[in-house]
Amino acid sequence: MEYIVSASSDVGIKKSTNQDSLTVKVAKTDIGNIAMAVVCDGMGGLAQGEVASADLIRSFSDWYTNRLPYLLNKPLEDHIIRQEWEKVISDSNQRIMEYGKRNRINLGTTVVAILFTDTRYYIVNVGDSRAYEMAESLNLLTEDQTVVEREVRQGILTREQAMNDPRRSVLLQCVGVAPNVYPEMFFGETKKNATYMLCSDGFRHVISEEEIYTYLGPNASTSVEDMKKNCDYLIDVNKQRKEEDNISVVLVRTY
């Protein structure tokens, strides 16, 4: 599998600090090309959310550089990545909590991360940042860990009601707030000629899935330059429509 990647992040129209953090990496290995992307959304109203999101991004980057090459010496199985990433998140959770206690502040972060091997993807999620797959159509690969998403699954709210519910950003959990964190994992077969997108919630509130697919789907993502231009365009659309949150997006295009 071949990959091209792009990423964009913007502070938005209201906040003074961009509390989002992201990374995207591609490498050639003995088992083929691999790629990893991570988006972390430092918790909105909490102090120094950028510290929390940056810590977790560094943790994933260190894992990719120092731990993953060792793991690639053996067949990479789903449960191995689950164990590895649960430890990455748990360790970061502990550091962020200790930092908050020392400085007497509350801080936390969401995380969504995806790893691609030659044929398979591995996703971990805590909070409401999202992963999408765009091939013939747009498919959401993660489930939001929010109050309204839980009520949609319970049949209390419709999907349309959830979109406008004032509690839509109330999280069930995030990294750095409680002693225990329970990441969700998702696995699947990587599609060729597809675009995979990770984003913070600020990227998706006021633009439609149709707009996302039109500008970031595989037909529109034929070069790094086009991907970057279209990411920046949709960030501008978000700002024109008065999205107040930080706005971040990462694209991985497969060939």
Protein backbone atom coordinates (compact mmCIF):
# COMPACT_ATOMS: atom_id res chain seq x y z
CA MET A 1 0.00 0.00 0.00
CA GLU A 2 1.16 3.53 -0.78
CA TYR A 3 0.13 6.60 1.22
CA ILE A 4 0.06 10.36 0.78
CA VAL A 5 -0.85 12.50 3.76
CA SER A 6 -1.89 16.00 4.72
CA ALA A 7 -2.89 17.84 7.89
CA SER A 8 -4.31 21.23 8.87
CA SER A 9 -5.15 22.86 12.19
CA ASP A 10 -6.58 26.26 13.08
CA VAL A 11 -7.30 28.06 16.34
CA GLY A 12 -10.74 29.10 15.05
CA ILE A 13 -12.58 32.38 15.52
CA LYS A 14 -13.04 32.52 19.30
CA LYS A 15 -10.30 30.84 21.31
CA SER A 16 -6.91 32.43 21.96
CA THR A 17 -5.06 29.09 22.06
CA ASN A 18 -5.17 26.07 19.77
CA GLN A 19 -5.56 23.17 22.20
CA ASP A 20 -5.63 20.58 19.40
CA SER A 21 -2.50 18.58 18.60
CA LEU A 22 -1.86 16.16 15.74
CA THR A 23 0.74 14.07 13.99
CA VAL A 24 0.94 11.94 10.85
CA LYS A 25 3.82 9.64 9.89
CA VAL A 26 4.69 7.31 7.00
CA ALA A 27 7.57 4.81 6.85
CA LYS A 28 8.92 2.02 4.66
CA THR A 29 9.47 -1.25 6.53
CA ASP A 30 10.35 -4.86 5.76
CA ILE A 31 6.64 -5.74 5.76
CA GLY A 32 5.67 -2.85 3.49
CA ASN A 33 4.72 0.76 4.02
CA ILE A 34 3.06 1.78 7.27
CA ALA A 35 1.37 5.00 8.32
CA MET A 36 0.05 6.44 11.57
CA ALA A 37 -2.10 9.48 12.24
CA VAL A 38 -3.27 10.90 15.58
CA VAL A 39 -5.56 13.81 16.51
CA CYS A 40 -5.99 15.00 20.10
CA ASP A 41 -8.44 17.71 21.17
CA GLY A 42 -7.37 19.35 24.42
CA MET A 43 -10.45 19.81 26.52
CA GLY A 44 -12.33 22.96 25.53
CA GLY A 45 -12.94 24.96 28.69
CA LEU A 46 -10.25 23.28 30.75
CA ALA A 47 -7.01 25.08 31.50
CA GLN A 48 -3.95 24.16 29.43
CA GLY A 49 -5.71 21.60 27.29
CA GLU A 50 -2.84 21.97 24.83
CA VAL A 51 -0.50 20.46 27.44
CA ALA A 52 -2.67 17.35 27.64
CA SER A 53 -3.06 16.94 23.88
CA ALA A 54 0.67 17.52 23.26
CA ASP A 55 1.63 14.92 25.88
CA LEU A 56 -0.47 12.25 24.23
CA ILE A 57 0.79 13.11 20.74
CA ARG A 58 4.38 12.80 22.00
CA SER A 59 3.51 9.46 23.56
CA PHE A 60 2.18 8.07 20.28
CA SER A 61 5.15 9.50 18.36
CA ASP A 62 7.59 7.89 20.77
CA TRP A 63 5.73 4.58 20.48
CA TYR A 64 5.87 4.76 16.68
CA THR A 65 9.60 5.50 16.68
CA ASN A 66 10.81 3.26 19.49
CA ARG A 67 8.29 0.47 20.02
CA LEU A 68 6.63 -0.26 16.69
CA PRO A 69 9.83 -1.35 14.85
CA TYR A 70 10.32 -4.06 17.48
CA LEU A 71 6.71 -5.23 17.14
CA LEU A 72 7.04 -5.52 13.36
CA ASN A 73 9.52 -8.37 13.79
CA LYS A 74 6.52 -10.63 14.42
CA PRO A 75 3.03 -10.82 12.89
CA LEU A 76 1.06 -7.81 14.08
CA GLU A 77 -2.19 -8.98 15.65
CA ASP A 78 -5.16 -6.93 16.80
CA HIS A 79 -4.75 -7.77 20.48
CA ILE A 80 -1.10 -6.67 20.41
CA ILE A 81 -2.01 -3.19 19.18
CA ARG A 82 -4.84 -3.06 21.71
CA GLN A 83 -2.45 -3.81 24.57
CA GLU A 84 0.20 -1.41 23.29
CA TRP A 85 -2.13 1.53 22.76
CA GLU A 86 -4.01 0.98 26.00
CA LYS A 87 -0.66 1.32 27.77
CA VAL A 88 0.28 4.45 25.80
CA ILE A 89 -3.01 6.08 26.77
CA SER A 90 -2.94 4.86 30.38
CA ASP A 91 0.59 6.17 30.93
CA SER A 92 -0.29 9.55 29.42
CA ASN A 93 -3.48 9.65 31.48
CA GLN A 94 -1.42 9.25 34.64
CA ARG A 95 1.08 11.96 33.65
CA ILE A 96 -1.65 14.44 32.75
CA MET A 97 -3.48 13.82 36.03
CA GLU A 98 -0.28 14.30 38.01
CA TYR A 99 0.50 17.51 36.12
CA GLY A 100 -2.99 18.79 36.90
CA LYS A 101 -2.64 17.99 40.60
CA ARG A 102 0.77 19.69 40.84
CA ASN A 103 -0.53 22.83 39.15
CA ARG A 104 -4.03 22.70 40.66
CA ILE A 105 -5.76 22.75 37.29
CA ASN A 106 -8.12 20.47 35.40
CA LEU A 107 -7.02 19.40 31.95
CA GLY A 108 -7.69 16.56 29.57
CA THR A 109 -7.79 15.51 25.94
CA THR A 110 -9.61 13.31 23.49
CA VAL A 111 -7.67 11.04 21.16
CA VAL A 112 -8.30 9.26 17.90
CA ALA A 113 -5.41 7.37 16.30
CA ILE A 114 -5.11 5.09 13.29
CA LEU A 115 -2.29 2.77 12.24
CA PHE A 116 -2.09 1.29 8.74
CA THR A 117 -0.13 -1.80 7.84
CA ASP A 118 -0.19 -3.09 4.29
CA THR A 119 -3.73 -4.47 4.47
CA ARG A 120 -5.16 -3.62 7.88
CA TYR A 121 -6.04 -0.60 9.98
CA TYR A 122 -6.15 -0.28 13.76
CA ILE A 123 -8.05 2.58 15.46
CA VAL A 124 -8.24 3.71 19.07
CA ASN A 125 -10.69 6.32 20.33
CA VAL A 126 -11.39 8.18 23.57
CA GLY A 127 -13.88 11.07 23.44
CA ASP A 128 -15.47 12.62 20.36
CA SER A 129 -12.71 13.10 17.82
CA ARG A 130 -13.51 10.90 14.83
CA ALA A 131 -12.12 8.62 12.13
CA TYR A 132 -13.81 8.31 8.73
CA GLU A 133 -13.24 6.15 5.66
CA MET A 134 -14.07 7.56 2.23
CA ALA A 135 -14.12 5.11 -0.68
CA GLU A 136 -17.35 4.70 -2.66
CA SER A 137 -19.05 6.62 0.17
CA LEU A 138 -18.26 8.18 3.54
CA ASN A 139 -18.32 5.87 6.56
CA LEU A 140 -17.78 6.76 10.21
CA LEU A 141 -15.35 4.27 11.77
CA THR A 142 -15.57 5.38 15.42
CA GLU A 143 -18.32 5.96 17.97
CA ASP A 144 -18.45 9.21 19.93
CA GLN A 145 -18.12 8.73 23.67
CA THR A 146 -20.67 11.45 24.47
CA VAL A 147 -23.90 11.74 26.42
CA VAL A 148 -25.97 12.39 23.28
CA GLU A 149 -24.44 9.49 21.32
CA ARG A 150 -25.28 7.17 24.19
CA GLU A 151 -28.86 8.44 24.16
CA VAL A 152 -29.08 7.93 20.39
CA ARG A 153 -27.99 4.31 20.83
CA GLN A 154 -30.55 3.92 23.62
CA GLY A 155 -33.31 5.31 21.39
CA ILE A 156 -33.87 8.38 23.59
CA LEU A 157 -32.75 10.84 20.89
CA THR A 158 -32.91 10.73 17.11
CA ARG A 159 -29.76 11.43 15.11
CA GLU A 160 -31.27 14.77 14.03
CA GLN A 161 -32.06 15.76 17.62
CA ALA A 162 -28.54 14.86 18.68
CA MET A 163 -27.01 17.21 16.11
CA ASN A 164 -28.65 20.22 17.78
CA ASP A 165 -28.62 19.06 21.39
CA PRO A 166 -26.81 21.57 23.66
CA ARG A 167 -25.07 18.64 25.37
CA ARG A 168 -23.51 17.37 22.15
CA SER A 169 -19.96 18.05 23.41
CA VAL A 170 -20.42 16.56 26.88
CA LEU A 171 -18.01 13.62 27.01
CA LEU A 172 -18.41 10.36 28.87
CA GLN A 173 -14.63 10.18 29.29
CA CYS A 174 -11.37 11.71 28.14
CA VAL A 175 -7.69 11.25 28.87
CA GLY A 176 -6.27 12.96 31.97
CA VAL A 177 -9.39 13.47 34.06
CA ALA A 178 -10.08 10.19 35.91
CA PRO A 179 -7.77 7.44 37.26
CA ASN A 180 -9.10 4.92 34.74
CA VAL A 181 -9.70 5.42 31.02
CA TYR A 182 -11.30 2.86 28.71
CA PRO A 183 -10.28 3.27 25.06
CA GLU A 184 -12.39 1.75 22.31
CA MET A 185 -10.65 -0.12 19.50
CA PHE A 186 -11.80 -0.66 15.93
CA PHE A 187 -10.15 -2.86 13.29
CA GLY A 188 -10.68 -3.38 9.58
CA GLU A 189 -9.24 -4.01 6.15
CA THR A 190 -7.58 -0.99 4.55
CA LYS A 191 -9.08 -0.10 1.19
CA LYS A 192 -7.00 0.99 -1.78
CA ASN A 193 -7.87 4.28 -3.47
CA ALA A 194 -9.58 5.57 -0.33
CA THR A 195 -9.17 8.57 1.93
CA TYR A 196 -9.04 8.12 5.70
CA MET A 197 -9.75 11.20 7.79
CA LEU A 198 -9.22 11.99 11.45
CA CYS A 199 -10.68 15.19 12.88
CA SER A 200 -11.45 17.03 16.08
CA ASP A 201 -15.12 17.77 16.69
CA GLY A 202 -14.62 21.40 15.67
CA PHE A 203 -14.06 20.29 12.08
CA ARG A 204 -17.42 18.58 11.61
CA HIS A 205 -20.15 20.45 13.50
CA VAL A 206 -21.20 22.91 10.80
CA ILE A 207 -20.18 21.19 7.56
CA SER A 208 -22.06 18.26 6.06
CA GLU A 209 -20.88 14.76 5.29
CA GLU A 210 -21.59 15.53 1.63
CA GLU A 211 -19.18 18.48 1.76
CA ILE A 212 -16.54 16.36 3.48
CA TYR A 213 -16.80 13.64 0.83
CA THR A 214 -16.86 16.10 -2.07
CA TYR A 215 -13.72 17.95 -1.00
CA LEU A 216 -11.75 15.24 0.79
CA GLY A 217 -12.90 11.97 -0.80
CA PRO A 218 -10.57 9.95 -3.06
CA ASN A 219 -11.58 11.75 -6.26
CA ALA A 220 -10.58 15.09 -4.74
CA SER A 221 -7.48 13.81 -2.92
CA THR A 222 -5.16 13.05 -5.81
CA SER A 223 -2.11 14.98 -4.56
CA VAL A 224 -0.71 16.38 -1.34
CA GLU A 225 -1.28 19.87 -2.70
CA ASP A 226 -4.96 19.24 -3.42
CA MET A 227 -5.47 17.59 -0.04
CA LYS A 228 -3.91 20.52 1.81
CA LYS A 229 -5.85 23.07 -0.24
CA ASN A 230 -9.16 21.33 0.36
CA CYS A 231 -8.52 20.84 4.09
CA ASP A 232 -7.77 24.54 4.42
CA TYR A 233 -10.85 25.41 2.38
CA LEU A 234 -13.16 23.42 4.67
CA ILE A 235 -11.53 24.97 7.73
CA ASP A 236 -12.33 28.39 6.24
CA VAL A 237 -15.93 27.27 5.62
CA ASN A 238 -16.17 26.23 9.26
CA LYS A 239 -14.98 29.65 10.38
CA GLN A 240 -17.34 31.46 8.01
CA ARG A 241 -20.19 29.46 9.57
CA LYS A 242 -19.09 30.62 13.04
CA GLU A 243 -17.60 27.40 14.38
CA GLU A 244 -16.02 28.53 17.66
CA ASP A 245 -13.87 25.51 18.51
CA ASN A 246 -10.34 24.71 17.40
CA ILE A 247 -10.43 22.93 14.03
CA SER A 248 -8.10 20.07 13.04
CA VAL A 249 -8.05 17.43 10.31
CA VAL A 250 -5.61 14.78 9.05
CA LEU A 251 -5.94 12.90 5.75
CA VAL A 252 -4.31 9.64 4.66
CA ARG A 253 -4.89 8.73 1.00
CA THR A 254 -4.22 5.11 0.01
CA TYR A 255 -3.07 3.77 -3.38
